[in-house]
Protein backbone atom coordinates (compact mmCIF):
# COMPACT_ATOMS: atom_id res chain seq x y z
CA MET A 1 130.18 119.13 186.23
CA ASN A 2 131.37 118.72 182.68
CA ALA A 3 130.04 116.17 180.19
CA LYS A 4 133.04 113.87 180.59
CA SER A 5 132.62 113.68 184.40
CA TRP A 6 128.91 113.07 183.97
CA ILE A 7 129.51 110.18 181.53
CA VAL A 8 132.14 108.61 183.82
CA GLY A 9 129.71 108.89 186.75
CA ILE A 10 126.90 107.21 184.80
CA ALA A 11 129.27 104.43 183.68
CA MET A 12 130.38 103.79 187.28
CA LEU A 13 126.77 103.67 188.45
CA ALA A 14 125.85 101.20 185.69
CA ALA A 15 128.83 99.01 186.58
CA SER A 16 127.85 98.92 190.26
CA ILE A 17 124.24 98.03 189.40
CA ALA A 18 125.44 95.24 187.08
CA THR A 19 127.73 93.89 189.82
CA ALA A 20 124.90 93.89 192.38
CA SER A 21 122.51 92.13 190.04
CA ALA A 22 125.20 89.58 189.07
CA GLN A 23 125.40 88.40 192.69
CA THR A 24 124.61 84.69 193.00
CA LEU A 25 121.65 83.44 195.01
CA LYS A 26 124.07 81.89 197.52
CA ASP A 27 125.81 85.26 197.95
CA GLN A 28 122.43 86.87 198.64
CA LEU A 29 121.54 84.23 201.24
CA ILE A 30 124.77 84.30 203.25
CA GLY A 31 124.32 85.91 206.65
CA VAL A 32 122.18 85.90 209.76
CA TRP A 33 118.39 86.02 209.37
CA THR A 34 115.69 86.56 212.00
CA LEU A 35 112.20 85.12 211.75
CA VAL A 36 109.36 87.40 210.67
CA SER A 37 106.68 84.72 210.27
CA ASN A 38 106.16 80.98 210.00
CA VAL A 39 102.90 79.85 208.40
CA GLU A 40 101.95 76.18 208.11
CA LYS A 41 99.56 75.48 205.22
CA TYR A 42 97.54 72.26 205.42
CA GLN A 43 95.89 70.34 202.56
CA ASP A 44 92.41 71.34 203.78
CA GLY A 45 93.32 75.03 203.39
CA LYS A 46 93.85 75.65 207.12
CA GLU A 47 96.79 77.87 208.07
CA LYS A 48 98.44 78.19 211.47
CA SER A 49 101.75 78.66 213.21
CA THR A 50 102.80 76.15 215.84
CA PHE A 51 105.25 78.73 217.15
CA GLY A 52 102.60 81.44 217.68
CA PRO A 53 102.62 85.10 216.72
CA GLN A 54 105.51 85.80 219.11
CA GLY A 55 107.58 82.91 217.77
CA LYS A 56 111.28 83.54 217.49
CA GLY A 57 113.76 82.17 215.02
CA GLN A 58 117.19 82.55 213.55
CA LEU A 59 118.82 81.13 210.44
CA ILE A 60 122.57 81.40 209.92
CA LEU A 61 124.03 80.57 206.49
CA ASP A 62 127.80 80.97 206.31
CA ARG A 63 130.07 81.30 203.32
CA THR A 64 131.61 77.83 203.82
CA GLY A 65 128.25 76.01 203.50
CA SER A 66 127.44 75.49 207.18
CA PHE A 67 124.07 76.46 208.66
CA SER A 68 122.24 76.69 211.98
CA PHE A 69 118.43 76.95 212.24
CA GLN A 70 116.29 77.63 215.33
CA LEU A 71 112.54 78.14 215.83
CA ILE A 72 111.14 78.64 219.33
CA GLY A 73 107.55 79.25 220.41
CA GLY A 74 106.83 82.71 221.74
CA ASP A 75 104.27 81.90 224.45
CA ARG A 76 106.07 79.39 226.65
CA ALA A 77 105.81 78.83 230.38
CA LYS A 78 108.88 79.51 232.52
CA GLN A 79 111.20 76.56 233.07
CA THR A 80 110.82 74.68 236.37
CA GLY A 81 112.79 71.53 235.54
CA ARG A 82 116.16 70.87 234.03
CA PRO A 83 117.44 73.50 231.58
CA ASP A 84 118.15 70.82 228.95
CA ASN A 85 114.44 69.89 228.62
CA PRO A 86 112.78 72.41 226.27
CA ILE A 87 109.40 73.87 227.16
CA GLY A 88 106.84 74.41 224.41
CA PRO A 89 107.42 74.18 220.68
CA ALA A 90 111.04 74.29 219.60
CA VAL A 91 112.99 72.87 216.69
CA THR A 92 116.64 73.42 215.93
CA TYR A 93 119.01 71.79 213.53
CA PHE A 94 122.42 72.33 212.00
CA GLY A 95 124.67 70.94 209.31
CA THR A 96 125.65 71.92 205.79
CA TYR A 97 123.65 73.47 202.97
CA SER A 98 123.77 73.94 199.23
CA VAL A 99 121.98 76.33 196.91
CA GLY A 100 120.50 75.47 193.53
CA GLU A 101 120.87 78.62 191.47
CA GLY A 102 118.58 77.39 188.67
CA ASP A 103 115.63 76.17 190.72
CA LYS A 104 116.24 78.58 193.65
CA SER A 105 116.48 75.65 196.05
CA LEU A 106 118.04 75.66 199.49
CA LEU A 107 118.97 72.16 200.61
CA PHE A 108 119.77 71.60 204.29
CA LYS A 109 121.79 68.44 205.05
CA VAL A 110 120.95 67.93 208.71
CA GLN A 111 123.69 66.60 210.99
CA GLY A 112 122.03 67.24 214.37
CA SER A 113 118.53 68.27 215.47
CA THR A 114 116.14 68.50 218.40
CA ASN A 115 113.98 66.25 216.18
CA PRO A 116 115.88 62.96 215.78
CA ASN A 117 113.83 62.18 212.63
CA PHE A 118 115.59 65.08 210.86
CA GLU A 119 119.11 63.81 211.58
CA GLY A 120 120.83 62.48 208.47
CA THR A 121 118.10 63.84 206.18
CA GLU A 122 118.00 66.50 203.51
CA GLN A 123 115.38 69.21 204.09
CA LYS A 124 114.54 71.17 200.95
CA ALA A 125 113.16 74.69 200.62
CA THR A 126 112.48 76.85 197.58
CA ILE A 127 113.26 80.56 197.73
CA SER A 128 110.05 82.26 196.64
CA SER A 129 111.30 85.81 197.21
CA ILE A 130 114.53 87.55 198.10
CA GLN A 131 114.80 91.31 197.90
CA GLY A 132 117.47 93.15 199.84
CA ASP A 133 117.08 92.23 203.49
CA ASP A 134 113.84 90.24 203.08
CA MET A 135 113.59 86.56 202.15
CA THR A 136 110.77 84.02 202.02
CA TYR A 137 111.07 80.32 201.37
CA VAL A 138 108.61 77.46 201.10
CA ARG A 139 109.64 74.15 202.65
CA SER A 140 108.89 70.71 201.26
CA PRO A 141 105.84 69.18 202.99
CA LEU A 142 106.26 67.86 206.53
CA THR A 143 104.09 65.27 208.26
CA SER A 144 102.22 65.82 211.51
CA PRO A 145 99.38 64.18 213.44
CA GLU A 146 97.08 66.79 211.83
CA GLY A 147 98.23 65.75 208.36
CA PRO A 148 100.93 67.01 206.01
CA PHE A 149 101.66 70.73 205.90
CA VAL A 150 103.88 73.10 203.96
CA PRO A 151 105.80 75.66 206.05
CA THR A 152 106.37 79.11 204.57
CA LEU A 153 109.01 81.08 206.47
CA THR A 154 109.71 84.77 206.06
CA TRP A 155 113.02 86.17 207.31
CA LYS A 156 114.69 89.58 207.70
CA ARG A 157 118.45 89.99 207.56
CA ALA A 158 119.87 90.75 211.01
CA LYS A 159 121.64 94.07 211.31
């Protein structure tokens, strides 16, 4: 390899690295994500996951600004009633989303949900980490009978 080829190769590598790092946060978030963990942090310092260690989840963020979100408990009894009555913990919602590049926010505008209280609301999360195929975000506090809690969800990009 001569010096000119080597310099051209280095320049091409630098250009591809610059292009990858110039990718917007929204571009990095677009795709299908599977749940790695969901931790609920309470004001008293307690941490738990309503969905259990075998909880399942999927988040789909498309290029047009639509999303679909599902969390389902992992240790649920088999269904004996109607298939439209969920068993165990489950929350799903869908609608549109926007990304705040400056504050790394992810704002879900909920159109429909298994939780009617979510419908017509905006649910905000802050991206705390995104590296390659791994992403973690922290939700705004939610209320529960046990008191307010802050969900932290970790996702892996589906392959």
